[in-house]
PDB file of N, CA and C in Angstrom:
ATOM      1  N   UNK A   1      23.304  35.114 -24.395  1.00  0.00           N
ATOM      2  CA  UNK A   1      21.969  35.590 -24.726  1.00  0.00           C
ATOM      3  C   UNK A   1      21.066  35.581 -23.496  1.00  0.00           C
ATOM      4  N   UNK A   2      21.245  34.582 -22.636  1.00  0.00           N
ATOM      5  CA  UNK A   2      20.420  34.501 -21.437  1.00  0.00           C
ATOM      6  C   UNK A   2      20.636  35.725 -20.557  1.00  0.00           C
ATOM      7  N   UNK A   3      21.902  36.090 -20.348  1.00  0.00           N
ATOM      8  CA  UNK A   3      22.197  37.255 -19.514  1.00  0.00           C
ATOM      9  C   UNK A   3      21.751  38.536 -20.186  1.00  0.00           C
ATOM     10  N   UNK A   4      21.879  38.622 -21.494  1.00  0.00           N
ATOM     11  CA  UNK A   4      21.411  39.809 -22.209  1.00  0.00           C
ATOM     12  C   UNK A   4      19.908  39.963 -22.031  1.00  0.00           C
ATOM     13  N   UNK A   5      19.181  38.862 -22.135  1.00  0.00           N
ATOM     14  CA  UNK A   5      17.737  38.898 -21.920  1.00  0.00           C
ATOM     15  C   UNK A   5      17.377  39.335 -20.517  1.00  0.00           C
ATOM     16  N   UNK A   6      18.092  38.818 -19.540  1.00  0.00           N
ATOM     17  CA  UNK A   6      17.827  39.194 -18.151  1.00  0.00           C
ATOM     18  C   UNK A   6      18.111  40.671 -17.906  1.00  0.00           C
ATOM     19  N   UNK A   7      19.197  41.156 -18.475  1.00  0.00           N
ATOM     20  CA  UNK A   7      19.556  42.564 -18.301  1.00  0.00           C
ATOM     21  C   UNK A   7      18.501  43.461 -18.938  1.00  0.00           C
ATOM     22  N   UNK A   8      18.028  43.099 -20.130  1.00  0.00           N
ATOM     23  CA  UNK A   8      16.995  43.889 -20.801  1.00  0.00           C
ATOM     24  C   UNK A   8      15.712  43.900 -19.979  1.00  0.00           C
ATOM     25  N   UNK A   9      15.329  42.763 -19.404  1.00  0.00           N
ATOM     26  CA  UNK A   9      14.128  42.698 -18.562  1.00  0.00           C
ATOM     27  C   UNK A   9      14.287  43.599 -17.337  1.00  0.00           C
ATOM     28  N   UNK A  10      15.449  43.592 -16.731  1.00  0.00           N
ATOM     29  CA  UNK A  10      15.690  44.454 -15.567  1.00  0.00           C
ATOM     30  C   UNK A  10      15.607  45.928 -15.962  1.00  0.00           C
ATOM     31  N   UNK A  11      16.198  46.288 -17.083  1.00  0.00           N
ATOM     32  CA  UNK A  11      16.155  47.676 -17.546  1.00  0.00           C
ATOM     33  C   UNK A  11      14.711  48.107 -17.808  1.00  0.00           C
ATOM     34  N   UNK A  12      13.937  47.254 -18.477  1.00  0.00           N
ATOM     35  CA  UNK A  12      12.534  47.581 -18.760  1.00  0.00           C
ATOM     36  C   UNK A  12      11.742  47.704 -17.461  1.00  0.00           C
ATOM     37  N   UNK A  13      12.015  46.821 -16.501  1.00  0.00           N
ATOM     38  CA  UNK A  13      11.308  46.879 -15.215  1.00  0.00           C
ATOM     39  C   UNK A  13      11.628  48.176 -14.475  1.00  0.00           C
ATOM     40  N   UNK A  14      12.880  48.606 -14.507  1.00  0.00           N
ATOM     41  CA  UNK A  14      13.260  49.856 -13.840  1.00  0.00           C
ATOM     42  C   UNK A  14      12.586  51.048 -14.527  1.00  0.00           C
ATOM     43  N   UNK A  15      12.575  51.058 -15.849  1.00  0.00           N
ATOM     44  CA  UNK A  15      11.906  52.139 -16.578  1.00  0.00           C
ATOM     45  C   UNK A  15      10.415  52.155 -16.255  1.00  0.00           C
ATOM     46  N   UNK A  16       9.786  50.980 -16.217  1.00  0.00           N
ATOM     47  CA  UNK A  16       8.363  50.895 -15.882  1.00  0.00           C
ATOM     48  C   UNK A  16       8.104  51.408 -14.472  1.00  0.00           C
ATOM     49  N   UNK A  17       8.985  51.078 -13.553  1.00  0.00           N
ATOM     50  CA  UNK A  17       8.844  51.549 -12.172  1.00  0.00           C
ATOM     51  C   UNK A  17       8.953  53.066 -12.091  1.00  0.00           C
ATOM     52  N   UNK A  18       9.881  53.632 -12.834  1.00  0.00           N
ATOM     53  CA  UNK A  18      10.042  55.091 -12.851  1.00  0.00           C
ATOM     54  C   UNK A  18       8.801  55.757 -13.428  1.00  0.00           C
ATOM     55  N   UNK A  19       8.295  55.218 -14.532  1.00  0.00           N
ATOM     56  CA  UNK A  19       7.098  55.791 -15.149  1.00  0.00           C
ATOM     57  C   UNK A  19       5.902  55.681 -14.213  1.00  0.00           C
ATOM     58  N   UNK A  20       5.718  54.511 -13.605  1.00  0.00           N
ATOM     59  CA  UNK A  20       4.569  54.304 -12.716  1.00  0.00           C
ATOM     60  C   UNK A  20       4.673  55.132 -11.440  1.00  0.00           C
ATOM     61  N   UNK A  21       5.879  55.447 -11.005  1.00  0.00           N
ATOM     62  CA  UNK A  21       6.064  56.228  -9.784  1.00  0.00           C
ATOM     63  C   UNK A  21       5.774  57.713  -9.984  1.00  0.00           C
ATOM     64  N   UNK A  22       5.789  58.160 -11.206  1.00  0.00           N
ATOM     65  CA  UNK A  22       5.546  59.563 -11.505  1.00  0.00           C
ATOM     66  C   UNK A  22       4.054  59.865 -11.325  1.00  0.00           C
ATOM     67  N   UNK A  23       3.701  60.767 -10.429  1.00  0.00           N
ATOM     68  CA  UNK A  23       2.281  61.061 -10.215  1.00  0.00           C
ATOM     69  C   UNK A  23       1.598  61.698 -11.425  1.00  0.00           C
ATOM     70  N   UNK A  24       2.359  62.246 -12.348  1.00  0.00           N
ATOM     71  CA  UNK A  24       1.798  62.866 -13.550  1.00  0.00           C
ATOM     72  C   UNK A  24       1.701  61.907 -14.730  1.00  0.00           C
ATOM     73  N   UNK A  25       1.986  60.615 -14.507  1.00  0.00           N
ATOM     74  CA  UNK A  25       1.998  59.668 -15.622  1.00  0.00           C
ATOM     75  C   UNK A  25       0.615  59.250 -16.084  1.00  0.00           C
ATOM     76  N   UNK A  26      -0.416  59.580 -15.339  1.00  0.00           N
ATOM     77  CA  UNK A  26      -1.774  59.264 -15.764  1.00  0.00           C
ATOM     78  C   UNK A  26      -2.301  58.015 -15.091  1.00  0.00           C
ATOM     79  N   UNK A  27      -3.414  57.547 -15.603  1.00  0.00           N
ATOM     80  CA  UNK A  27      -4.061  56.373 -15.027  1.00  0.00           C
ATOM     81  C   UNK A  27      -3.416  55.097 -15.529  1.00  0.00           C
ATOM     82  N   UNK A  28      -3.722  54.009 -14.878  1.00  0.00           N
ATOM     83  CA  UNK A  28      -3.215  52.710 -15.326  1.00  0.00           C
ATOM     84  C   UNK A  28      -3.751  52.404 -16.715  1.00  0.00           C
ATOM     85  N   UNK A  29      -5.023  52.712 -16.943  1.00  0.00           N
ATOM     86  CA  UNK A  29      -5.607  52.460 -18.260  1.00  0.00           C
ATOM     87  C   UNK A  29      -4.894  53.277 -19.344  1.00  0.00           C
ATOM     88  N   UNK A  30      -4.531  54.506 -19.034  1.00  0.00           N
ATOM     89  CA  UNK A  30      -3.797  55.323 -19.995  1.00  0.00           C
ATOM     90  C   UNK A  30      -2.425  54.750 -20.302  1.00  0.00           C
ATOM     91  N   UNK A  31      -1.755  54.254 -19.265  1.00  0.00           N
ATOM     92  CA  UNK A  31      -0.440  53.632 -19.482  1.00  0.00           C
ATOM     93  C   UNK A  31      -0.562  52.368 -20.322  1.00  0.00           C
ATOM     94  N   UNK A  32      -1.587  51.570 -20.055  1.00  0.00           N
ATOM     95  CA  UNK A  32      -1.804  50.338 -20.829  1.00  0.00           C
ATOM     96  C   UNK A  32      -2.139  50.680 -22.280  1.00  0.00           C
ATOM     97  N   UNK A  33      -2.948  51.699 -22.475  1.00  0.00           N
ATOM     98  CA  UNK A  33      -3.297  52.143 -23.834  1.00  0.00           C
ATOM     99  C   UNK A  33      -2.044  52.548 -24.609  1.00  0.00           C
ATOM    100  N   UNK A  34      -1.168  53.297 -23.959  1.00  0.00           N
ATOM    101  CA  UNK A  34       0.073  53.724 -24.616  1.00  0.00           C
ATOM    102  C   UNK A  34       0.984  52.539 -24.913  1.00  0.00           C
ATOM    103  N   UNK A  35       1.066  51.592 -23.985  1.00  0.00           N
ATOM    104  CA  UNK A  35       1.911  50.417 -24.200  1.00  0.00           C
ATOM    105  C   UNK A  35       1.413  49.603 -25.381  1.00  0.00           C
ATOM    106  N   UNK A  36       0.097  49.385 -25.455  1.00  0.00           N
ATOM    107  CA  UNK A  36      -0.447  48.625 -26.584  1.00  0.00           C
ATOM    108  C   UNK A  36      -0.262  49.368 -27.895  1.00  0.00           C
ATOM    109  N   UNK A  37      -0.329  50.697 -27.839  1.00  0.00           N
ATOM    110  CA  UNK A  37      -0.078  51.476 -29.043  1.00  0.00           C
ATOM    111  C   UNK A  37       1.333  51.267 -29.566  1.00  0.00           C
ATOM    112  N   UNK A  38       2.307  51.292 -28.660  1.00  0.00           N
ATOM    113  CA  UNK A  38       3.702  51.083 -29.070  1.00  0.00           C
ATOM    114  C   UNK A  38       3.898  49.659 -29.595  1.00  0.00           C
ATOM    115  N   UNK A  39       3.353  48.676 -28.886  1.00  0.00           N
ATOM    116  CA  UNK A  39       3.496  47.282 -29.345  1.00  0.00           C
ATOM    117  C   UNK A  39       2.850  47.080 -30.709  1.00  0.00           C
ATOM    118  N   UNK A  40       1.674  47.641 -30.901  1.00  0.00           N
ATOM    119  CA  UNK A  40       0.979  47.486 -32.176  1.00  0.00           C
ATOM    120  C   UNK A  40       1.713  48.155 -33.320  1.00  0.00           C
ATOM    121  N   UNK A  41       2.216  49.357 -33.077  1.00  0.00           N
ATOM    122  CA  UNK A  41       2.946  50.076 -34.118  1.00  0.00           C
ATOM    123  C   UNK A  41       4.280  49.418 -34.422  1.00  0.00           C
ATOM    124  N   UNK A  42       4.910  48.842 -33.409  1.00  0.00           N
ATOM    125  CA  UNK A  42       6.222  48.233 -33.610  1.00  0.00           C
ATOM    126  C   UNK A  42       6.112  46.874 -34.287  1.00  0.00           C
ATOM    127  N   UNK A  43       5.254  46.010 -33.756  1.00  0.00           N
ATOM    128  CA  UNK A  43       5.245  44.627 -34.222  1.00  0.00           C
ATOM    129  C   UNK A  43       4.133  44.306 -35.220  1.00  0.00           C
ATOM    130  N   UNK A  44       3.087  45.115 -35.277  1.00  0.00           N
ATOM    131  CA  UNK A  44       1.976  44.840 -36.186  1.00  0.00           C
ATOM    132  C   UNK A  44       2.384  44.744 -37.649  1.00  0.00           C
ATOM    133  N   UNK A  45       3.060  45.763 -38.203  1.00  0.00           N
ATOM    134  CA  UNK A  45       3.457  45.671 -39.608  1.00  0.00           C
ATOM    135  C   UNK A  45       4.386  44.496 -39.895  1.00  0.00           C
ATOM    136  N   UNK A  46       5.311  44.238 -39.001  1.00  0.00           N
ATOM    137  CA  UNK A  46       6.259  43.138 -39.213  1.00  0.00           C
ATOM    138  C   UNK A  46       5.552  41.790 -39.201  1.00  0.00           C
ATOM    139  N   UNK A  47       4.621  41.607 -38.288  1.00  0.00           N
ATOM    140  CA  UNK A  47       3.887  40.343 -38.231  1.00  0.00           C
ATOM    141  C   UNK A  47       3.051  40.168 -39.494  1.00  0.00           C
ATOM    142  N   UNK A  48       2.333  41.193 -39.900  1.00  0.00           N
ATOM    143  CA  UNK A  48       1.508  41.072 -41.097  1.00  0.00           C
ATOM    144  C   UNK A  48       2.343  40.817 -42.343  1.00  0.00           C
ATOM    145  N   UNK A  49       3.433  41.555 -42.487  1.00  0.00           N
ATOM    146  CA  UNK A  49       4.288  41.339 -43.657  1.00  0.00           C
ATOM    147  C   UNK A  49       4.933  39.963 -43.639  1.00  0.00           C
ATOM    148  N   UNK A  50       5.326  39.479 -42.481  1.00  0.00           N
ATOM    149  CA  UNK A  50       5.950  38.151 -42.428  1.00  0.00           C
ATOM    150  C   UNK A  50       4.948  37.055 -42.776  1.00  0.00           C
ATOM    151  N   UNK A  51       3.681  37.302 -42.561  1.00  0.00           N
ATOM    152  CA  UNK A  51       2.660  36.306 -42.890  1.00  0.00           C
ATOM    153  C   UNK A  51       2.218  36.369 -44.342  1.00  0.00           C
ATOM    154  N   UNK A  52       2.251  37.554 -44.955  1.00  0.00           N
ATOM    155  CA  UNK A  52       1.647  37.709 -46.273  1.00  0.00           C
ATOM    156  C   UNK A  52       2.582  38.191 -47.378  1.00  0.00           C
ATOM    157  N   UNK A  53       3.856  38.460 -47.066  1.00  0.00           N
ATOM    158  CA  UNK A  53       4.776  38.961 -48.086  1.00  0.00           C
ATOM    159  C   UNK A  53       6.076  38.193 -48.015  1.00  0.00           C
ATOM    160  N   UNK A  54       6.379  37.477 -49.055  1.00  0.00           N
ATOM    161  CA  UNK A  54       7.568  36.614 -49.071  1.00  0.00           C
ATOM    162  C   UNK A  54       8.863  37.411 -49.193  1.00  0.00           C
ATOM    163  N   UNK A  55       8.797  38.669 -49.508  1.00  0.00           N
ATOM    164  CA  UNK A  55       9.992  39.482 -49.758  1.00  0.00           C
ATOM    165  C   UNK A  55      10.523  40.176 -48.499  1.00  0.00           C
ATOM    166  N   UNK A  56       9.825  40.070 -47.367  1.00  0.00           N
ATOM    167  CA  UNK A  56      10.284  40.724 -46.138  1.00  0.00           C
ATOM    168  C   UNK A  56      11.644  40.172 -45.726  1.00  0.00           C
ATOM    169  N   UNK A  57      12.562  41.073 -45.413  1.00  0.00           N
ATOM    170  CA  UNK A  57      13.902  40.676 -44.992  1.00  0.00           C
ATOM    171  C   UNK A  57      14.090  40.984 -43.510  1.00  0.00           C
ATOM    172  N   UNK A  58      15.170  40.458 -42.951  1.00  0.00           N
ATOM    173  CA  UNK A  58      15.501  40.734 -41.556  1.00  0.00           C
ATOM    174  C   UNK A  58      15.676  42.231 -41.338  1.00  0.00           C
ATOM    175  N   UNK A  59      16.407  42.878 -42.240  1.00  0.00           N
ATOM    176  CA  UNK A  59      16.616  44.322 -42.124  1.00  0.00           C
ATOM    177  C   UNK A  59      15.306  45.092 -42.196  1.00  0.00           C
ATOM    178  N   UNK A  60      14.410  44.653 -43.068  1.00  0.00           N
ATOM    179  CA  UNK A  60      13.105  45.286 -43.169  1.00  0.00           C
ATOM    180  C   UNK A  60      12.296  45.122 -41.895  1.00  0.00           C
ATOM    181  N   UNK A  61      12.371  43.935 -41.301  1.00  0.00           N
ATOM    182  CA  UNK A  61      11.648  43.682 -40.050  1.00  0.00           C
ATOM    183  C   UNK A  61      12.180  44.576 -38.933  1.00  0.00           C
ATOM    184  N   UNK A  62      13.493  44.672 -38.822  1.00  0.00           N
ATOM    185  CA  UNK A  62      14.090  45.518 -37.786  1.00  0.00           C
ATOM    186  C   UNK A  62      13.733  46.986 -38.022  1.00  0.00           C
ATOM    187  N   UNK A  63      13.802  47.426 -39.264  1.00  0.00           N
ATOM    188  CA  UNK A  63      13.456  48.820 -39.575  1.00  0.00           C
ATOM    189  C   UNK A  63      12.000  49.105 -39.242  1.00  0.00           C
ATOM    190  N   UNK A  64      11.115  48.171 -39.553  1.00  0.00           N
ATOM    191  CA  UNK A  64       9.699  48.355 -39.238  1.00  0.00           C
ATOM    192  C   UNK A  64       9.456  48.449 -37.743  1.00  0.00           C
ATOM    193  N   UNK A  65      10.127  47.595 -36.986  1.00  0.00           N
ATOM    194  CA  UNK A  65       9.956  47.612 -35.527  1.00  0.00           C
ATOM    195  C   UNK A  65      10.486  48.917 -34.932  1.00  0.00           C
ATOM    196  N   UNK A  66      11.681  49.312 -35.331  1.00  0.00           N
ATOM    197  CA  UNK A  66      12.295  50.518 -34.779  1.00  0.00           C
ATOM    198  C   UNK A  66      11.521  51.771 -35.195  1.00  0.00           C
ATOM    199  N   UNK A  67      11.236  51.901 -36.478  1.00  0.00           N
ATOM    200  CA  UNK A  67      10.553  53.106 -36.959  1.00  0.00           C
ATOM    201  C   UNK A  67       9.118  53.187 -36.445  1.00  0.00           C
ATOM    202  N   UNK A  68       8.427  52.056 -36.384  1.00  0.00           N
ATOM    203  CA  UNK A  68       7.061  52.061 -35.870  1.00  0.00           C
ATOM    204  C   UNK A  68       6.996  52.466 -34.414  1.00  0.00           C
ATOM    205  N   UNK A  69       7.898  51.918 -33.613  1.00  0.00           N
ATOM    206  CA  UNK A  69       7.874  52.270 -32.187  1.00  0.00           C
ATOM    207  C   UNK A  69       8.307  53.714 -31.966  1.00  0.00           C
ATOM    208  N   UNK A  70       9.328  54.164 -32.677  1.00  0.00           N
ATOM    209  CA  UNK A  70       9.770  55.554 -32.523  1.00  0.00           C
ATOM    210  C   UNK A  70       8.691  56.539 -32.969  1.00  0.00           C
ATOM    211  N   UNK A  71       8.040  56.240 -34.086  1.00  0.00           N
ATOM    212  CA  UNK A  71       6.971  57.122 -34.564  1.00  0.00           C
ATOM    213  C   UNK A  71       5.835  57.189 -33.550  1.00  0.00           C
ATOM    214  N   UNK A  72       5.492  56.041 -32.970  1.00  0.00           N
ATOM    215  CA  UNK A  72       4.433  56.002 -31.968  1.00  0.00           C
ATOM    216  C   UNK A  72       4.797  56.833 -30.744  1.00  0.00           C
ATOM    217  N   UNK A  73       6.004  56.645 -30.253  1.00  0.00           N
ATOM    218  CA  UNK A  73       6.451  57.367 -29.054  1.00  0.00           C
ATOM    219  C   UNK A  73       6.545  58.870 -29.329  1.00  0.00           C
ATOM    220  N   UNK A  74       7.089  59.245 -30.479  1.00  0.00           N
ATOM    221  CA  UNK A  74       7.204  60.669 -30.812  1.00  0.00           C
ATOM    222  C   UNK A  74       5.834  61.307 -31.010  1.00  0.00           C
ATOM    223  N   UNK A  75       4.915  60.569 -31.631  1.00  0.00           N
ATOM    224  CA  UNK A  75       3.559  61.092 -31.807  1.00  0.00           C
ATOM    225  C   UNK A  75       2.915  61.311 -30.439  1.00  0.00           C
ATOM    226  N   UNK A  76       3.074  60.344 -29.561  1.00  0.00           N
ATOM    227  CA  UNK A  76       2.506  60.453 -28.220  1.00  0.00           C
ATOM    228  C   UNK A  76       3.109  61.631 -27.460  1.00  0.00           C
ATOM    229  N   UNK A  77       4.402  61.844 -27.624  1.00  0.00           N
ATOM    230  CA  UNK A  77       5.086  62.907 -26.881  1.00  0.00           C
ATOM    231  C   UNK A  77       4.770  64.301 -27.420  1.00  0.00           C
ATOM    232  N   UNK A  78       4.669  64.438 -28.746  1.00  0.00           N
ATOM    233  CA  UNK A  78       4.577  65.778 -29.323  1.00  0.00           C
ATOM    234  C   UNK A  78       3.259  66.098 -30.024  1.00  0.00           C
ATOM    235  N   UNK A  79       2.511  65.091 -30.456  1.00  0.00           N
ATOM    236  CA  UNK A  79       1.305  65.355 -31.243  1.00  0.00           C
ATOM    237  C   UNK A  79       0.056  64.722 -30.654  1.00  0.00           C
ATOM    238  N   UNK A  80       0.075  64.432 -29.379  1.00  0.00           N
ATOM    239  CA  UNK A  80      -1.071  63.792 -28.738  1.00  0.00           C
ATOM    240  C   UNK A  80      -2.317  64.671 -28.825  1.00  0.00           C
ATOM    241  N   UNK A  81      -2.128  65.962 -28.851  1.00  0.00           N
ATOM    242  CA  UNK A  81      -3.239  66.904 -28.898  1.00  0.00           C
ATOM    243  C   UNK A  81      -4.046  66.853 -30.185  1.00  0.00           C
ATOM    244  N   UNK A  82      -3.561  66.152 -31.200  1.00  0.00           N
ATOM    245  CA  UNK A  82      -4.305  66.067 -32.460  1.00  0.00           C
ATOM    246  C   UNK A  82      -5.554  65.204 -32.322  1.00  0.00           C
ATOM    247  N   UNK A  83      -5.588  64.349 -31.297  1.00  0.00           N
ATOM    248  CA  UNK A  83      -6.730  63.465 -31.102  1.00  0.00           C
ATOM    249  C   UNK A  83      -6.624  62.158 -31.862  1.00  0.00           C
ATOM    250  N   UNK A  84      -5.583  61.998 -32.676  1.00  0.00           N
ATOM    251  CA  UNK A  84      -5.388  60.764 -33.434  1.00  0.00           C
ATOM    252  C   UNK A  84      -4.585  59.784 -32.582  1.00  0.00           C
ATOM    253  N   UNK A  85      -5.123  58.572 -32.416  1.00  0.00           N
ATOM    254  CA  UNK A  85      -4.432  57.551 -31.630  1.00  0.00           C
ATOM    255  C   UNK A  85      -3.096  57.241 -32.287  1.00  0.00           C
ATOM    256  N   UNK A  86      -2.036  57.242 -31.504  1.00  0.00           N
ATOM    257  CA  UNK A  86      -0.669  57.184 -32.038  1.00  0.00           C
ATOM    258  C   UNK A  86      -0.331  55.897 -32.772  1.00  0.00           C
ATOM    259  N   UNK A  87      -1.119  54.843 -32.613  1.00  0.00           N
ATOM    260  CA  UNK A  87      -0.825  53.600 -33.315  1.00  0.00           C
ATOM    261  C   UNK A  87      -1.015  53.758 -34.828  1.00  0.00           C
ATOM    262  N   UNK A  88      -1.896  54.657 -35.244  1.00  0.00           N
ATOM    263  CA  UNK A  88      -2.182  54.807 -36.673  1.00  0.00           C
ATOM    264  C   UNK A  88      -0.965  55.338 -37.432  1.00  0.00           C
ATOM    265  N   UNK A  89      -0.402  56.493 -37.063  1.00  0.00           N
ATOM    266  CA  UNK A  89       0.802  56.921 -37.783  1.00  0.00           C
ATOM    267  C   UNK A  89       1.998  56.006 -37.513  1.00  0.00           C
ATOM    268  N   UNK A  90       2.092  55.450 -36.311  1.00  0.00           N
ATOM    269  CA  UNK A  90       3.194  54.538 -36.014  1.00  0.00           C
ATOM    270  C   UNK A  90       3.137  53.291 -36.870  1.00  0.00           C
ATOM    271  N   UNK A  91       1.953  52.721 -37.026  1.00  0.00           N
ATOM    272  CA  UNK A  91       1.776  51.532 -37.865  1.00  0.00           C
ATOM    273  C   UNK A  91       2.123  51.852 -39.316  1.00  0.00           C
ATOM    274  N   UNK A  92       1.619  52.986 -39.815  1.00  0.00           N
ATOM    275  CA  UNK A  92       1.882  53.366 -41.208  1.00  0.00           C
ATOM    276  C   UNK A  92       3.378  53.573 -41.461  1.00  0.00           C
ATOM    277  N   UNK A  93       4.053  54.257 -40.568  1.00  0.00           N
ATOM    278  CA  UNK A  93       5.489  54.505 -40.746  1.00  0.00           C
ATOM    279  C   UNK A  93       6.278  53.206 -40.619  1.00  0.00           C
ATOM    280  N   UNK A  94       5.901  52.343 -39.674  1.00  0.00           N
ATOM    281  CA  UNK A  94       6.565  51.048 -39.543  1.00  0.00           C
ATOM    282  C   UNK A  94       6.388  50.197 -40.780  1.00  0.00           C
ATOM    283  N   UNK A  95       5.180  50.210 -41.351  1.00  0.00           N
ATOM    284  CA  UNK A  95       4.903  49.441 -42.563  1.00  0.00           C
ATOM    285  C   UNK A  95       5.733  49.954 -43.737  1.00  0.00           C
ATOM    286  N   UNK A  96       5.754  51.260 -43.911  1.00  0.00           N
ATOM    287  CA  UNK A  96       6.529  51.852 -45.006  1.00  0.00           C
ATOM    288  C   UNK A  96       8.013  51.557 -44.831  1.00  0.00           C
ATOM    289  N   UNK A  97       8.527  51.699 -43.623  1.00  0.00           N
ATOM    290  CA  UNK A  97       9.953  51.443 -43.378  1.00  0.00           C
ATOM    291  C   UNK A  97      10.307  49.991 -43.669  1.00  0.00           C
ATOM    292  N   UNK A  98       9.469  49.059 -43.234  1.00  0.00           N
ATOM    293  CA  UNK A  98       9.744  47.643 -43.474  1.00  0.00           C
ATOM    294  C   UNK A  98       9.753  47.324 -44.961  1.00  0.00           C
ATOM    295  N   UNK A  99       8.815  47.881 -45.698  1.00  0.00           N
ATOM    296  CA  UNK A  99       8.747  47.616 -47.140  1.00  0.00           C
ATOM    297  C   UNK A  99       9.935  48.239 -47.864  1.00  0.00           C
ATOM    298  N   UNK A 100      10.236  49.497 -47.562  1.00  0.00           N
ATOM    299  CA  UNK A 100      11.332  50.191 -48.253  1.00  0.00           C
ATOM    300  C   UNK A 100      12.667  49.504 -47.983  1.00  0.00           C
ATOM    301  N   UNK A 101      12.957  49.193 -46.723  1.00  0.00           N
ATOM    302  CA  UNK A 101      14.238  48.556 -46.402  1.00  0.00           C
ATOM    303  C   UNK A 101      14.304  47.153 -47.006  1.00  0.00           C
ATOM    304  N   UNK A 102      13.205  46.423 -47.008  1.00  0.00           N
ATOM    305  CA  UNK A 102      13.206  45.092 -47.608  1.00  0.00           C
ATOM    306  C   UNK A 102      13.478  45.158 -49.109  1.00  0.00           C
ATOM    307  N   UNK A 103      12.936  46.168 -49.767  1.00  0.00           N
ATOM    308  CA  UNK A 103      13.170  46.302 -51.207  1.00  0.00           C
ATOM    309  C   UNK A 103      14.576  46.799 -51.520  1.00  0.00           C
ATOM    310  N   UNK A 104      15.204  47.505 -50.577  1.00  0.00           N
ATOM    311  CA  UNK A 104      16.560  48.017 -50.799  1.00  0.00           C
ATOM    312  C   UNK A 104      17.645  47.010 -50.417  1.00  0.00           C
ATOM    313  N   UNK A 105      17.276  45.956 -49.719  1.00  0.00           N
ATOM    314  CA  UNK A 105      18.248  44.931 -49.330  1.00  0.00           C
ATOM    315  C   UNK A 105      18.027  43.679 -50.172  1.00  0.00           C
ATOM    316  N   UNK A 106      19.033  42.808 -50.234  1.00  0.00           N
ATOM    317  CA  UNK A 106      18.879  41.584 -51.025  1.00  0.00           C
ATOM    318  C   UNK A 106      17.703  40.735 -50.527  1.00  0.00           C
ATOM    319  N   UNK A 107      17.015  40.113 -51.468  1.00  0.00           N
ATOM    320  CA  UNK A 107      15.857  39.270 -51.139  1.00  0.00           C
ATOM    321  C   UNK A 107      16.306  38.072 -50.299  1.00  0.00           C
ATOM    322  N   UNK A 108      15.387  37.508 -49.511  1.00  0.00           N
ATOM    323  CA  UNK A 108      15.728  36.295 -48.771  1.00  0.00           C
ATOM    324  C   UNK A 108      16.156  35.196 -49.754  1.00  0.00           C
ATOM    325  N   UNK A 109      17.016  34.291 -49.291  1.00  0.00           N
ATOM    326  CA  UNK A 109      17.502  33.256 -50.206  1.00  0.00           C
ATOM    327  C   UNK A 109      16.356  32.330 -50.631  1.00  0.00           C
ATOM    328  N   UNK A 110      16.637  31.520 -51.634  1.00  0.00           N
ATOM    329  CA  UNK A 110      15.606  30.662 -52.233  1.00  0.00           C
ATOM    330  C   UNK A 110      15.018  29.679 -51.219  1.00  0.00           C
ATOM    331  N   UNK A 111      15.826  29.206 -50.287  1.00  0.00           N
ATOM    332  CA  UNK A 111      15.325  28.269 -49.280  1.00  0.00           C
ATOM    333  C   UNK A 111      14.274  28.897 -48.375  1.00  0.00           C
ATOM    334  N   UNK A 112      14.509  30.138 -47.984  1.00  0.00           N
ATOM    335  CA  UNK A 112      13.546  30.845 -47.134  1.00  0.00           C
ATOM    336  C   UNK A 112      12.261  31.100 -47.915  1.00  0.00           C
ATOM    337  N   UNK A 113      12.385  31.502 -49.164  1.00  0.00           N
ATOM    338  CA  UNK A 113      11.197  31.763 -49.971  1.00  0.00           C
ATOM    339  C   UNK A 113      10.421  30.474 -50.253  1.00  0.00           C
ATOM    340  N   UNK A 114      11.135  29.370 -50.450  1.00  0.00           N
ATOM    341  CA  UNK A 114      10.453  28.084 -50.652  1.00  0.00           C
ATOM    342  C   UNK A 114       9.710  27.663 -49.389  1.00  0.00           C
ATOM    343  N   UNK A 115      10.311  27.880 -48.236  1.00  0.00           N
ATOM    344  CA  UNK A 115       9.646  27.575 -46.976  1.00  0.00           C
ATOM    345  C   UNK A 115       8.387  28.425 -46.816  1.00  0.00           C
ATOM    346  N   UNK A 116       8.470  29.698 -47.160  1.00  0.00           N
ATOM    347  CA  UNK A 116       7.303  30.580 -47.104  1.00  0.00           C
ATOM    348  C   UNK A 116       6.211  30.062 -48.035  1.00  0.00           C
ATOM    349  N   UNK A 117       6.595  29.684 -49.258  1.00  0.00           N
ATOM    350  CA  UNK A 117       5.616  29.188 -50.228  1.00  0.00           C
ATOM    351  C   UNK A 117       4.946  27.906 -49.745  1.00  0.00           C
ATOM    352  N   UNK A 118       5.716  26.999 -49.145  1.00  0.00           N
ATOM    353  CA  UNK A 118       5.130  25.757 -48.618  1.00  0.00           C
ATOM    354  C   UNK A 118       4.159  26.058 -47.480  1.00  0.00           C
ATOM    355  N   UNK A 119       4.529  26.974 -46.618  1.00  0.00           N
ATOM    356  CA  UNK A 119       3.667  27.304 -45.477  1.00  0.00           C
ATOM    357  C   UNK A 119       2.375  27.964 -45.935  1.00  0.00           C
ATOM    358  N   UNK A 120       2.470  28.858 -46.912  1.00  0.00           N
ATOM    359  CA  UNK A 120       1.259  29.535 -47.370  1.00  0.00           C
ATOM    360  C   UNK A 120       0.415  28.658 -48.287  1.00  0.00           C
ATOM    361  N   UNK A 121       1.021  27.716 -48.992  1.00  0.00           N
ATOM    362  CA  UNK A 121       0.227  26.821 -49.839  1.00  0.00           C
ATOM    363  C   UNK A 121      -0.624  25.890 -48.990  1.00  0.00           C
ATOM    364  N   UNK A 122      -0.168  25.536 -47.791  1.00  0.00           N
ATOM    365  CA  UNK A 122      -0.965  24.706 -46.887  1.00  0.00           C
ATOM    366  C   UNK A 122      -2.206  25.450 -46.413  1.00  0.00           C
ATOM    367  N   UNK A 123      -2.137  26.763 -46.347  1.00  0.00           N
ATOM    368  CA  UNK A 123      -3.286  27.556 -45.920  1.00  0.00           C
ATOM    369  C   UNK A 123      -4.359  27.633 -46.992  1.00  0.00           C
ATOM    370  N   UNK A 124      -3.954  27.520 -48.242  1.00  0.00           N
ATOM    371  CA  UNK A 124      -4.905  27.625 -49.351  1.00  0.00           C
ATOM    372  C   UNK A 124      -5.687  26.341 -49.577  1.00  0.00           C
ATOM    373  N   UNK A 125      -5.199  25.219 -49.068  1.00  0.00           N
ATOM    374  CA  UNK A 125      -5.881  23.929 -49.284  1.00  0.00           C
ATOM    375  C   UNK A 125      -7.120  23.801 -48.452  1.00  0.00           C
TER     376      UNK A 125
END
C-alpha cells in the first residue's frame, strides 16, 4: 500500500506539472477553482451521507466519488459555457449515484450500523 500511494502521488504530480506547463491552462486561481470543484463533487456527497445516513455502503461511497468527479470533469470540459459552476451537477450526480448503489447493495452489517447509531446518539446529547 505504501508503494501504491507513492506511485499515485507521483502520477498526480506529473499530471499537475503537465497541466500547469500548458500556457492555455488559465490562471492559478482558475486551476484552484476547478480542483476544488472536483474535490467537492467527488467527496462532498460521500462525506455528508457517511455522517447522516446509516445505510451508506462502501460500494455507494465509491460510486459517489467516481460519478461525482467524472460528472464534474465532463461538465467542465463540455458544458462550461452554460455558466453553471461544475460542482453543482457533479455533487447532484455523485449524491444520486451513492444513494442508488447503496440501496442496490446489501446494507452494512449490524455492527457497523450499531457503531453509527452510538456515534450519532452522542451528538444528540
